[in-house]
């Protein structure tokens, strides 16, 4: 069985030591455009904010976001469902790490005016968090990356029982 890799939405040009480079300082205003949506349960990266198409959607838990790209999700079986905007064929999206239900993807829209949703993704705001990578300190950022790589930590040794 192969290893499971989770995509981390990090800038490949980031300094590995977490120190700001002149290029980072010049791009500081752009950082807010590169916020990351994460699973609220386990903080696995799901999408960049720049992939947000609309925040004017509703899900089971309230407000939802329409995005054109997501990572680190697995899908349930395709199912037809009637929504307020008509019949759609969808697949439920689950976080690849904790398998929490976080939204769905539109496979097919049966109404012509809803075709723009096809192959796009809904993430429910109540089930995700918005994270700003520029706010994490260097050690906090390294720890987050280390945790993302270590998906299956070794179980803690149980203390020896004294009888």
Protein backbone atom coordinates (compact mmCIF):
# COMPACT_ATOMS: atom_id res chain seq x y z
CA UNK A 1 0.00 0.00 0.00
CA UNK A 2 1.37 3.42 -0.97
CA UNK A 3 1.75 6.50 1.17
CA UNK A 4 -0.95 9.14 1.29
CA UNK A 5 0.31 12.60 0.39
CA UNK A 6 -1.62 15.71 1.27
CA UNK A 7 -1.01 18.81 -0.81
CA UNK A 8 0.20 21.78 1.22
CA UNK A 9 -0.68 25.11 -0.32
CA UNK A 10 2.67 26.74 0.44
CA UNK A 11 4.58 29.12 -1.78
CA UNK A 12 7.52 27.10 -3.20
CA UNK A 13 9.71 30.20 -2.90
CA UNK A 14 9.18 30.52 0.86
CA UNK A 15 12.31 30.62 2.95
CA UNK A 16 12.63 27.17 4.63
CA UNK A 17 13.63 28.89 7.87
CA UNK A 18 10.51 31.04 7.91
CA UNK A 19 12.44 34.31 7.66
CA UNK A 20 10.97 37.05 5.46
CA UNK A 21 12.90 37.63 2.25
CA UNK A 22 12.94 40.96 0.39
CA UNK A 23 10.61 39.40 -2.14
CA UNK A 24 8.20 38.42 0.67
CA UNK A 25 8.26 41.94 2.04
CA UNK A 26 7.52 43.37 -1.40
CA UNK A 27 4.59 40.99 -1.74
CA UNK A 28 3.17 41.60 1.74
CA UNK A 29 0.13 43.37 0.31
CA UNK A 30 -0.53 40.37 -1.93
CA UNK A 31 -0.45 37.91 0.99
CA UNK A 32 -4.03 38.70 1.97
CA UNK A 33 -5.13 37.53 -1.46
CA UNK A 34 -3.49 34.19 -0.77
CA UNK A 35 -5.40 33.16 2.33
CA UNK A 36 -6.06 29.43 2.62
CA UNK A 37 -9.31 27.65 3.40
CA UNK A 38 -8.68 24.70 5.75
CA UNK A 39 -10.78 21.92 7.23
CA UNK A 40 -12.17 23.23 10.55
CA UNK A 41 -11.69 19.81 12.13
CA UNK A 42 -8.05 19.00 11.23
CA UNK A 43 -6.75 22.14 9.44
CA UNK A 44 -5.84 20.33 6.22
CA UNK A 45 -5.48 22.80 3.34
CA UNK A 46 -8.46 22.75 0.98
CA UNK A 47 -8.26 25.80 -1.31
CA UNK A 48 -6.72 29.20 -1.83
CA UNK A 49 -8.96 32.23 -1.42
CA UNK A 50 -8.12 33.35 -4.96
CA UNK A 51 -10.18 30.37 -6.19
CA UNK A 52 -13.32 31.81 -4.57
CA UNK A 53 -16.00 32.53 -7.18
CA UNK A 54 -18.92 33.44 -4.90
CA UNK A 55 -19.90 33.53 -1.24
CA UNK A 56 -23.59 33.82 -2.09
CA UNK A 57 -24.48 30.13 -1.63
CA UNK A 58 -26.26 28.13 1.07
CA UNK A 59 -25.41 24.70 2.40
CA UNK A 60 -26.79 22.41 5.10
CA UNK A 61 -25.08 24.45 7.84
CA UNK A 62 -25.59 27.97 6.45
CA UNK A 63 -23.46 30.15 4.19
CA UNK A 64 -21.34 28.31 1.63
CA UNK A 65 -18.63 29.26 -0.87
CA UNK A 66 -18.39 28.38 -4.57
CA UNK A 67 -14.79 27.66 -5.63
CA UNK A 68 -13.24 26.62 -8.91
CA UNK A 69 -10.49 24.45 -7.39
CA UNK A 70 -9.93 22.42 -4.21
CA UNK A 71 -7.29 19.94 -3.00
CA UNK A 72 -7.15 17.24 -0.35
CA UNK A 73 -10.71 16.02 -0.78
CA UNK A 74 -12.29 12.69 -1.59
CA UNK A 75 -15.73 12.29 -3.09
CA UNK A 76 -18.78 10.22 -2.29
CA UNK A 77 -20.91 8.56 -4.96
CA UNK A 78 -22.74 10.67 -7.50
CA UNK A 79 -26.34 11.42 -6.53
CA UNK A 80 -29.16 13.50 -8.01
CA UNK A 81 -30.67 16.04 -5.66
CA UNK A 82 -33.25 18.80 -5.90
CA UNK A 83 -31.93 22.14 -4.64
CA UNK A 84 -33.53 25.58 -4.55
CA UNK A 85 -32.05 26.27 -8.00
CA UNK A 86 -33.27 23.01 -9.54
CA UNK A 87 -32.07 19.45 -10.07
CA UNK A 88 -28.32 18.83 -9.81
CA UNK A 89 -26.09 15.78 -9.86
CA UNK A 90 -23.55 16.16 -7.04
CA UNK A 91 -20.85 14.31 -5.11
CA UNK A 92 -20.31 15.02 -1.42
CA UNK A 93 -16.75 16.22 -0.61
CA UNK A 94 -14.89 14.91 2.42
CA UNK A 95 -11.57 16.08 3.89
CA UNK A 96 -8.93 13.55 2.84
CA UNK A 97 -7.33 13.61 6.30
CA UNK A 98 -10.24 13.38 8.78
CA UNK A 99 -13.07 12.41 6.36
CA UNK A 100 -15.27 15.25 7.64
CA UNK A 101 -18.07 16.26 5.25
CA UNK A 102 -17.11 19.76 4.07
CA UNK A 103 -19.35 20.33 1.04
CA UNK A 104 -19.98 18.97 -2.44
CA UNK A 105 -19.08 19.28 -6.10
CA UNK A 106 -21.54 19.84 -8.91
CA UNK A 107 -21.18 17.09 -11.52
CA UNK A 108 -24.12 18.21 -13.65
CA UNK A 109 -26.73 20.95 -13.59
CA UNK A 110 -29.95 20.13 -15.42
CA UNK A 111 -31.08 23.76 -15.84
CA UNK A 112 -29.29 25.81 -18.52
CA UNK A 113 -28.87 28.84 -16.27
CA UNK A 114 -27.11 26.66 -13.66
CA UNK A 115 -24.48 25.10 -15.97
CA UNK A 116 -21.80 27.50 -14.65
CA UNK A 117 -21.71 25.39 -11.44
CA UNK A 118 -20.63 22.20 -13.19
CA UNK A 119 -17.25 20.87 -11.98
CA UNK A 120 -17.10 23.59 -9.32
CA UNK A 121 -17.05 23.07 -5.55
CA UNK A 122 -19.10 24.18 -2.57
CA UNK A 123 -17.38 24.43 0.82
CA UNK A 124 -19.61 25.21 3.80
CA UNK A 125 -18.26 28.11 5.87
CA UNK A 126 -19.23 26.46 9.16
CA UNK A 127 -17.06 23.43 8.28
CA UNK A 128 -13.92 25.31 7.18
CA UNK A 129 -11.52 27.93 8.55
CA UNK A 130 -9.70 30.74 6.77
CA UNK A 131 -5.97 30.81 7.52
CA UNK A 132 -3.44 33.54 6.75
CA UNK A 133 0.04 31.98 6.31
CA UNK A 134 1.73 35.35 6.88
CA UNK A 135 0.36 35.48 10.45
CA UNK A 136 2.04 32.26 11.57
CA UNK A 137 5.38 32.66 13.28
CA UNK A 138 8.38 30.69 11.94
CA UNK A 139 8.27 27.94 14.58
CA UNK A 140 4.47 27.70 14.37
CA UNK A 141 4.70 27.41 10.57
CA UNK A 142 7.39 24.70 10.75
CA UNK A 143 5.27 22.75 13.24
CA UNK A 144 2.23 23.00 10.96
CA UNK A 145 4.24 21.70 7.99
CA UNK A 146 5.70 18.89 10.10
CA UNK A 147 2.22 17.87 11.27
CA UNK A 148 0.90 17.92 7.68
CA UNK A 149 3.67 15.52 6.61
CA UNK A 150 3.14 13.19 9.57
CA UNK A 151 -0.34 11.89 8.73
CA UNK A 152 -0.08 8.63 10.66
CA UNK A 153 1.82 9.36 13.86
CA UNK A 154 2.98 6.45 15.95
CA UNK A 155 0.63 5.72 18.84
CA UNK A 156 1.90 6.98 22.16
CA UNK A 157 3.42 4.32 24.34
CA UNK A 158 1.04 3.37 27.10
CA UNK A 159 2.38 3.84 30.61
CA UNK A 160 3.43 0.66 32.35
CA UNK A 161 0.80 -0.47 34.76
CA UNK A 162 1.87 -1.09 38.32
CA UNK A 163 0.13 -4.02 39.91
